[in-house]
PDB file of N, CA and C in Angstrom:
ATOM      1  N   MET A   1     -14.311 -20.493 -28.601  1.00  0.00           N
ATOM      2  CA  MET A   1     -13.203 -19.848 -27.948  1.00  0.00           C
ATOM      3  C   MET A   1     -13.398 -18.348 -28.024  1.00  0.00           C
ATOM      4  N   ALA A   2     -13.317 -17.670 -26.940  1.00  0.00           N
ATOM      5  CA  ALA A   2     -13.495 -16.224 -26.892  1.00  0.00           C
ATOM      6  C   ALA A   2     -12.201 -15.530 -27.301  1.00  0.00           C
ATOM      7  N   ILE A   3     -12.344 -14.421 -27.974  1.00  0.00           N
ATOM      8  CA  ILE A   3     -11.199 -13.634 -28.401  1.00  0.00           C
ATOM      9  C   ILE A   3     -11.115 -12.416 -27.499  1.00  0.00           C
ATOM     10  N   GLY A   4     -10.060 -12.320 -26.733  1.00  0.00           N
ATOM     11  CA  GLY A   4      -9.876 -11.175 -25.854  1.00  0.00           C
ATOM     12  C   GLY A   4      -9.220 -10.033 -26.609  1.00  0.00           C
ATOM     13  N   LEU A   5      -9.432  -8.831 -26.152  1.00  0.00           N
ATOM     14  CA  LEU A   5      -8.836  -7.687 -26.816  1.00  0.00           C
ATOM     15  C   LEU A   5      -7.323  -7.683 -26.692  1.00  0.00           C
ATOM     16  N   MET A   6      -6.795  -8.230 -25.632  1.00  0.00           N
ATOM     17  CA  MET A   6      -5.350  -8.248 -25.449  1.00  0.00           C
ATOM     18  C   MET A   6      -4.688  -9.391 -26.215  1.00  0.00           C
ATOM     19  N   ASP A   7      -5.473 -10.327 -26.775  1.00  0.00           N
ATOM     20  CA  ASP A   7      -4.918 -11.471 -27.481  1.00  0.00           C
ATOM     21  C   ASP A   7      -4.535 -11.155 -28.918  1.00  0.00           C
ATOM     22  N   THR A   8      -4.958 -10.022 -29.427  1.00  0.00           N
ATOM     23  CA  THR A   8      -4.765  -9.724 -30.838  1.00  0.00           C
ATOM     24  C   THR A   8      -3.629  -8.737 -31.027  1.00  0.00           C
ATOM     25  N   ALA A   9      -3.008  -8.818 -32.186  1.00  0.00           N
ATOM     26  CA  ALA A   9      -1.946  -7.878 -32.537  1.00  0.00           C
ATOM     27  C   ALA A   9      -2.572  -6.574 -33.018  1.00  0.00           C
ATOM     28  N   PRO A  10      -1.832  -5.477 -32.944  1.00  0.00           N
ATOM     29  CA  PRO A  10      -2.367  -4.213 -33.451  1.00  0.00           C
ATOM     30  C   PRO A  10      -2.662  -4.316 -34.945  1.00  0.00           C
ATOM     31  N   VAL A  11      -3.720  -3.686 -35.375  1.00  0.00           N
ATOM     32  CA  VAL A  11      -4.111  -3.727 -36.777  1.00  0.00           C
ATOM     33  C   VAL A  11      -4.150  -2.317 -37.325  1.00  0.00           C
ATOM     34  N   SER A  12      -3.982  -2.216 -38.642  1.00  0.00           N
ATOM     35  CA  SER A  12      -4.024  -0.892 -39.260  1.00  0.00           C
ATOM     36  C   SER A  12      -5.445  -0.370 -39.254  1.00  0.00           C
ATOM     37  N   ARG A  13      -5.583   0.931 -39.269  1.00  0.00           N
ATOM     38  CA  ARG A  13      -6.903   1.550 -39.187  1.00  0.00           C
ATOM     39  C   ARG A  13      -7.582   1.675 -40.542  1.00  0.00           C
ATOM     40  N   ARG A  14      -6.867   1.538 -41.606  1.00  0.00           N
ATOM     41  CA  ARG A  14      -7.466   1.728 -42.924  1.00  0.00           C
ATOM     42  C   ARG A  14      -7.286   0.475 -43.783  1.00  0.00           C
ATOM     43  N   VAL A  15      -8.274   0.242 -44.621  1.00  0.00           N
ATOM     44  CA  VAL A  15      -8.201  -0.847 -45.584  1.00  0.00           C
ATOM     45  C   VAL A  15      -7.715  -0.245 -46.890  1.00  0.00           C
ATOM     46  N   SER A  16      -6.809  -0.926 -47.550  1.00  0.00           N
ATOM     47  CA  SER A  16      -6.274  -0.432 -48.816  1.00  0.00           C
ATOM     48  C   SER A  16      -7.391  -0.243 -49.841  1.00  0.00           C
ATOM     49  N   ARG A  17      -7.196   0.669 -50.740  1.00  0.00           N
ATOM     50  CA  ARG A  17      -8.218   0.961 -51.755  1.00  0.00           C
ATOM     51  C   ARG A  17      -8.354  -0.147 -52.804  1.00  0.00           C
ATOM     52  N   ASN A  18      -7.358  -1.000 -52.933  1.00  0.00           N
ATOM     53  CA  ASN A  18      -7.408  -2.019 -53.978  1.00  0.00           C
ATOM     54  C   ASN A  18      -7.846  -3.388 -53.462  1.00  0.00           C
ATOM     55  N   VAL A  19      -8.643  -3.424 -52.400  1.00  0.00           N
ATOM     56  CA  VAL A  19      -9.174  -4.691 -51.909  1.00  0.00           C
ATOM     57  C   VAL A  19     -10.494  -4.989 -52.605  1.00  0.00           C
ATOM     58  N   PRO A  20     -10.829  -6.261 -52.751  1.00  0.00           N
ATOM     59  CA  PRO A  20     -12.091  -6.614 -53.422  1.00  0.00           C
ATOM     60  C   PRO A  20     -13.306  -6.089 -52.657  1.00  0.00           C
ATOM     61  N   PRO A  21     -14.381  -5.752 -53.381  1.00  0.00           N
ATOM     62  CA  PRO A  21     -15.586  -5.248 -52.722  1.00  0.00           C
ATOM     63  C   PRO A  21     -16.196  -6.259 -51.750  1.00  0.00           C
ATOM     64  N   GLY A  22     -16.044  -7.544 -52.028  1.00  0.00           N
ATOM     65  CA  GLY A  22     -16.570  -8.569 -51.136  1.00  0.00           C
ATOM     66  C   GLY A  22     -15.901  -8.533 -49.769  1.00  0.00           C
ATOM     67  N   TYR A  23     -14.610  -8.235 -49.761  1.00  0.00           N
ATOM     68  CA  TYR A  23     -13.882  -8.132 -48.492  1.00  0.00           C
ATOM     69  C   TYR A  23     -14.354  -6.917 -47.704  1.00  0.00           C
ATOM     70  N   ARG A  24     -14.551  -5.804 -48.396  1.00  0.00           N
ATOM     71  CA  ARG A  24     -15.059  -4.601 -47.732  1.00  0.00           C
ATOM     72  C   ARG A  24     -16.454  -4.856 -47.151  1.00  0.00           C
ATOM     73  N   LEU A  25     -17.291  -5.562 -47.906  1.00  0.00           N
ATOM     74  CA  LEU A  25     -18.638  -5.873 -47.427  1.00  0.00           C
ATOM     75  C   LEU A  25     -18.574  -6.749 -46.178  1.00  0.00           C
ATOM     76  N   MET A  26     -17.687  -7.747 -46.193  1.00  0.00           N
ATOM     77  CA  MET A  26     -17.553  -8.609 -45.016  1.00  0.00           C
ATOM     78  C   MET A  26     -17.030  -7.824 -43.816  1.00  0.00           C
ATOM     79  N   LEU A  27     -16.114  -6.872 -44.049  1.00  0.00           N
ATOM     80  CA  LEU A  27     -15.635  -6.033 -42.950  1.00  0.00           C
ATOM     81  C   LEU A  27     -16.771  -5.190 -42.389  1.00  0.00           C
ATOM     82  N   PHE A  28     -17.597  -4.636 -43.257  1.00  0.00           N
ATOM     83  CA  PHE A  28     -18.709  -3.803 -42.821  1.00  0.00           C
ATOM     84  C   PHE A  28     -19.717  -4.614 -42.016  1.00  0.00           C
ATOM     85  N   VAL A  29     -20.098  -5.775 -42.537  1.00  0.00           N
ATOM     86  CA  VAL A  29     -21.065  -6.625 -41.836  1.00  0.00           C
ATOM     87  C   VAL A  29     -20.470  -7.135 -40.520  1.00  0.00           C
ATOM     88  N   GLY A  30     -19.205  -7.527 -40.553  1.00  0.00           N
ATOM     89  CA  GLY A  30     -18.548  -7.982 -39.327  1.00  0.00           C
ATOM     90  C   GLY A  30     -18.467  -6.877 -38.290  1.00  0.00           C
ATOM     91  N   PHE A  31     -18.141  -5.661 -38.732  1.00  0.00           N
ATOM     92  CA  PHE A  31     -18.064  -4.540 -37.794  1.00  0.00           C
ATOM     93  C   PHE A  31     -19.419  -4.274 -37.155  1.00  0.00           C
ATOM     94  N   LEU A  32     -20.486  -4.280 -37.956  1.00  0.00           N
ATOM     95  CA  LEU A  32     -21.817  -4.051 -37.403  1.00  0.00           C
ATOM     96  C   LEU A  32     -22.211  -5.156 -36.426  1.00  0.00           C
ATOM     97  N   THR A  33     -21.857  -6.380 -36.753  1.00  0.00           N
ATOM     98  CA  THR A  33     -22.171  -7.505 -35.866  1.00  0.00           C
ATOM     99  C   THR A  33     -21.441  -7.364 -34.533  1.00  0.00           C
ATOM    100  N   PHE A  34     -20.139  -7.102 -34.598  1.00  0.00           N
ATOM    101  CA  PHE A  34     -19.367  -6.975 -33.368  1.00  0.00           C
ATOM    102  C   PHE A  34     -19.703  -5.697 -32.610  1.00  0.00           C
ATOM    103  N   LEU A  35     -20.150  -4.657 -33.308  1.00  0.00           N
ATOM    104  CA  LEU A  35     -20.595  -3.446 -32.629  1.00  0.00           C
ATOM    105  C   LEU A  35     -21.852  -3.735 -31.816  1.00  0.00           C
ATOM    106  N   ASN A  36     -22.780  -4.466 -32.418  1.00  0.00           N
ATOM    107  CA  ASN A  36     -23.983  -4.866 -31.673  1.00  0.00           C
ATOM    108  C   ASN A  36     -23.621  -5.747 -30.481  1.00  0.00           C
ATOM    109  N   ALA A  37     -22.671  -6.654 -30.662  1.00  0.00           N
ATOM    110  CA  ALA A  37     -22.247  -7.516 -29.558  1.00  0.00           C
ATOM    111  C   ALA A  37     -21.602  -6.697 -28.448  1.00  0.00           C
ATOM    112  N   ALA A  38     -20.817  -5.677 -28.812  1.00  0.00           N
ATOM    113  CA  ALA A  38     -20.175  -4.839 -27.800  1.00  0.00           C
ATOM    114  C   ALA A  38     -21.205  -4.017 -27.036  1.00  0.00           C
ATOM    115  N   ILE A  39     -22.215  -3.534 -27.739  1.00  0.00           N
ATOM    116  CA  ILE A  39     -23.276  -2.768 -27.073  1.00  0.00           C
ATOM    117  C   ILE A  39     -24.049  -3.677 -26.115  1.00  0.00           C
ATOM    118  N   LEU A  40     -24.399  -4.871 -26.586  1.00  0.00           N
ATOM    119  CA  LEU A  40     -25.111  -5.820 -25.718  1.00  0.00           C
ATOM    120  C   LEU A  40     -24.263  -6.209 -24.511  1.00  0.00           C
ATOM    121  N   LYS A  41     -22.969  -6.346 -24.732  1.00  0.00           N
ATOM    122  CA  LYS A  41     -22.068  -6.701 -23.637  1.00  0.00           C
ATOM    123  C   LYS A  41     -22.086  -5.631 -22.555  1.00  0.00           C
ATOM    124  N   ARG A  42     -22.180  -4.368 -22.955  1.00  0.00           N
ATOM    125  CA  ARG A  42     -22.173  -3.280 -21.975  1.00  0.00           C
ATOM    126  C   ARG A  42     -23.452  -3.203 -21.155  1.00  0.00           C
ATOM    127  N   VAL A  43     -24.589  -3.617 -21.745  1.00  0.00           N
ATOM    128  CA  VAL A  43     -25.841  -3.496 -21.002  1.00  0.00           C
ATOM    129  C   VAL A  43     -26.168  -4.742 -20.180  1.00  0.00           C
ATOM    130  N   MET A  44     -25.474  -5.839 -20.435  1.00  0.00           N
ATOM    131  CA  MET A  44     -25.709  -7.059 -19.666  1.00  0.00           C
ATOM    132  C   MET A  44     -25.018  -6.988 -18.314  1.00  0.00           C
ATOM    133  N   PRO A  45     -25.578  -7.647 -17.319  1.00  0.00           N
ATOM    134  CA  PRO A  45     -24.852  -7.753 -16.044  1.00  0.00           C
ATOM    135  C   PRO A  45     -23.526  -8.475 -16.260  1.00  0.00           C
ATOM    136  N   TRP A  46     -22.520  -8.125 -15.488  1.00  0.00           N
ATOM    137  CA  TRP A  46     -21.184  -8.652 -15.758  1.00  0.00           C
ATOM    138  C   TRP A  46     -21.099 -10.166 -15.626  1.00  0.00           C
ATOM    139  N   ARG A  47     -21.970 -10.792 -14.876  1.00  0.00           N
ATOM    140  CA  ARG A  47     -21.926 -12.247 -14.730  1.00  0.00           C
ATOM    141  C   ARG A  47     -22.407 -12.978 -15.976  1.00  0.00           C
ATOM    142  N   TRP A  48     -23.160 -12.294 -16.839  1.00  0.00           N
ATOM    143  CA  TRP A  48     -23.705 -12.933 -18.035  1.00  0.00           C
ATOM    144  C   TRP A  48     -22.820 -12.734 -19.257  1.00  0.00           C
ATOM    145  N   ARG A  49     -21.771 -12.009 -19.140  1.00  0.00           N
ATOM    146  CA  ARG A  49     -20.971 -11.662 -20.315  1.00  0.00           C
ATOM    147  C   ARG A  49     -20.243 -12.875 -20.866  1.00  0.00           C
ATOM    148  N   VAL A  50     -20.300 -13.013 -22.191  1.00  0.00           N
ATOM    149  CA  VAL A  50     -19.706 -14.167 -22.867  1.00  0.00           C
ATOM    150  C   VAL A  50     -18.208 -13.977 -23.065  1.00  0.00           C
ATOM    151  N   PHE A  51     -17.778 -12.768 -23.382  1.00  0.00           N
ATOM    152  CA  PHE A  51     -16.387 -12.529 -23.761  1.00  0.00           C
ATOM    153  C   PHE A  51     -15.454 -12.364 -22.578  1.00  0.00           C
ATOM    154  N   GLY A  52     -15.928 -12.567 -21.385  1.00  0.00           N
ATOM    155  CA  GLY A  52     -15.073 -12.529 -20.210  1.00  0.00           C
ATOM    156  C   GLY A  52     -14.794 -11.110 -19.734  1.00  0.00           C
ATOM    157  N   GLY A  53     -13.909 -11.021 -18.787  1.00  0.00           N
ATOM    158  CA  GLY A  53     -13.548  -9.737 -18.209  1.00  0.00           C
ATOM    159  C   GLY A  53     -14.320  -9.498 -16.926  1.00  0.00           C
ATOM    160  N   SER A  54     -13.747  -8.700 -16.081  1.00  0.00           N
ATOM    161  CA  SER A  54     -14.379  -8.437 -14.794  1.00  0.00           C
ATOM    162  C   SER A  54     -15.349  -7.275 -14.867  1.00  0.00           C
ATOM    163  N   GLY A  55     -15.406  -6.599 -15.988  1.00  0.00           N
ATOM    164  CA  GLY A  55     -16.313  -5.481 -16.116  1.00  0.00           C
ATOM    165  C   GLY A  55     -15.685  -4.149 -15.766  1.00  0.00           C
ATOM    166  N   THR A  56     -14.404  -4.135 -15.422  1.00  0.00           N
ATOM    167  CA  THR A  56     -13.768  -2.876 -15.050  1.00  0.00           C
ATOM    168  C   THR A  56     -12.880  -2.323 -16.152  1.00  0.00           C
ATOM    169  N   GLU A  57     -12.316  -3.170 -16.997  1.00  0.00           N
ATOM    170  CA  GLU A  57     -11.423  -2.684 -18.048  1.00  0.00           C
ATOM    171  C   GLU A  57     -12.190  -2.633 -19.379  1.00  0.00           C
ATOM    172  N   TYR A  58     -12.295  -1.449 -19.932  1.00  0.00           N
ATOM    173  CA  TYR A  58     -13.059  -1.269 -21.162  1.00  0.00           C
ATOM    174  C   TYR A  58     -12.278  -0.471 -22.185  1.00  0.00           C
ATOM    175  N   ALA A  59     -12.369  -0.921 -23.420  1.00  0.00           N
ATOM    176  CA  ALA A  59     -11.985  -0.090 -24.551  1.00  0.00           C
ATOM    177  C   ALA A  59     -13.299   0.516 -25.041  1.00  0.00           C
ATOM    178  N   SER A  60     -13.244   1.442 -25.976  1.00  0.00           N
ATOM    179  CA  SER A  60     -14.497   1.965 -26.500  1.00  0.00           C
ATOM    180  C   SER A  60     -15.205   0.860 -27.278  1.00  0.00           C
ATOM    181  N   ILE A  61     -16.510   0.982 -27.445  1.00  0.00           N
ATOM    182  CA  ILE A  61     -17.234  -0.069 -28.163  1.00  0.00           C
ATOM    183  C   ILE A  61     -16.795  -0.126 -29.619  1.00  0.00           C
ATOM    184  N   PHE A  62     -16.413   1.013 -30.179  1.00  0.00           N
ATOM    185  CA  PHE A  62     -15.957   1.027 -31.568  1.00  0.00           C
ATOM    186  C   PHE A  62     -14.587   0.374 -31.708  1.00  0.00           C
ATOM    187  N   GLU A  63     -13.697   0.628 -30.761  1.00  0.00           N
ATOM    188  CA  GLU A  63     -12.381  -0.001 -30.776  1.00  0.00           C
ATOM    189  C   GLU A  63     -12.501  -1.510 -30.580  1.00  0.00           C
ATOM    190  N   GLU A  64     -13.381  -1.918 -29.692  1.00  0.00           N
ATOM    191  CA  GLU A  64     -13.592  -3.345 -29.463  1.00  0.00           C
ATOM    192  C   GLU A  64     -14.150  -4.019 -30.716  1.00  0.00           C
ATOM    193  N   ALA A  65     -15.135  -3.390 -31.366  1.00  0.00           N
ATOM    194  CA  ALA A  65     -15.724  -3.958 -32.580  1.00  0.00           C
ATOM    195  C   ALA A  65     -14.697  -4.016 -33.705  1.00  0.00           C
ATOM    196  N   ARG A  66     -13.894  -2.969 -33.846  1.00  0.00           N
ATOM    197  CA  ARG A  66     -12.883  -2.948 -34.904  1.00  0.00           C
ATOM    198  C   ARG A  66     -11.831  -4.023 -34.671  1.00  0.00           C
ATOM    199  N   THR A  67     -11.379  -4.169 -33.436  1.00  0.00           N
ATOM    200  CA  THR A  67     -10.364  -5.175 -33.124  1.00  0.00           C
ATOM    201  C   THR A  67     -10.885  -6.580 -33.395  1.00  0.00           C
ATOM    202  N   ARG A  68     -12.094  -6.851 -32.962  1.00  0.00           N
ATOM    203  CA  ARG A  68     -12.661  -8.188 -33.183  1.00  0.00           C
ATOM    204  C   ARG A  68     -12.921  -8.439 -34.672  1.00  0.00           C
ATOM    205  N   THR A  69     -13.334  -7.415 -35.407  1.00  0.00           N
ATOM    206  CA  THR A  69     -13.576  -7.573 -36.846  1.00  0.00           C
ATOM    207  C   THR A  69     -12.289  -7.891 -37.582  1.00  0.00           C
ATOM    208  N   TYR A  70     -11.249  -7.087 -37.350  1.00  0.00           N
ATOM    209  CA  TYR A  70      -9.987  -7.289 -38.059  1.00  0.00           C
ATOM    210  C   TYR A  70      -9.241  -8.533 -37.598  1.00  0.00           C
ATOM    211  N   SER A  71      -9.649  -9.124 -36.493  1.00  0.00           N
ATOM    212  CA  SER A  71      -8.997 -10.361 -36.075  1.00  0.00           C
ATOM    213  C   SER A  71      -9.759 -11.602 -36.524  1.00  0.00           C
ATOM    214  N   THR A  72     -10.999 -11.463 -37.009  1.00  0.00           N
ATOM    215  CA  THR A  72     -11.755 -12.637 -37.439  1.00  0.00           C
ATOM    216  C   THR A  72     -12.057 -12.683 -38.932  1.00  0.00           C
ATOM    217  N   VAL A  73     -12.372 -11.558 -39.546  1.00  0.00           N
ATOM    218  CA  VAL A  73     -12.770 -11.563 -40.956  1.00  0.00           C
ATOM    219  C   VAL A  73     -11.679 -12.077 -41.892  1.00  0.00           C
ATOM    220  N   PRO A  74     -10.409 -11.742 -41.713  1.00  0.00           N
ATOM    221  CA  PRO A  74      -9.397 -12.276 -42.634  1.00  0.00           C
ATOM    222  C   PRO A  74      -9.326 -13.796 -42.685  1.00  0.00           C
ATOM    223  N   HIS A  75      -9.788 -14.482 -41.638  1.00  0.00           N
ATOM    224  CA  HIS A  75      -9.770 -15.947 -41.645  1.00  0.00           C
ATOM    225  C   HIS A  75     -10.706 -16.523 -42.703  1.00  0.00           C
ATOM    226  N   ALA A  76     -11.706 -15.767 -43.129  1.00  0.00           N
ATOM    227  CA  ALA A  76     -12.622 -16.252 -44.158  1.00  0.00           C
ATOM    228  C   ALA A  76     -11.930 -16.348 -45.521  1.00  0.00           C
ATOM    229  N   PHE A  77     -10.838 -15.613 -45.722  1.00  0.00           N
ATOM    230  CA  PHE A  77     -10.163 -15.599 -47.000  1.00  0.00           C
ATOM    231  C   PHE A  77      -8.888 -16.418 -47.016  1.00  0.00           C
ATOM    232  N   MET A  78      -8.601 -17.149 -45.949  1.00  0.00           N
ATOM    233  CA  MET A  78      -7.429 -18.010 -45.934  1.00  0.00           C
ATOM    234  C   MET A  78      -7.695 -19.276 -46.716  1.00  0.00           C
ATOM    235  N   LYS A  79      -6.688 -19.741 -47.404  1.00  0.00           N
ATOM    236  CA  LYS A  79      -6.839 -20.946 -48.217  1.00  0.00           C
ATOM    237  C   LYS A  79      -6.518 -22.179 -47.434  1.00  0.00           C
TER     238      LYS A  79
END
């Protein structure tokens, strides 16, 4: 299932200082992964894009990576 940028709720820009280092590491790795995916999405022809969209509406690649990271990484810590 693809996660659209409009499907997610707004997230805070900063992670609290008292979070475990493992969570910070997962956020960092997730951000780098989604940043690479956002860059690849921009260079691919619009018909090949996995995450949908017509190719006309864009957020910055950093905003897209941050939104996708903060909407997926917390699921790894749910019980």
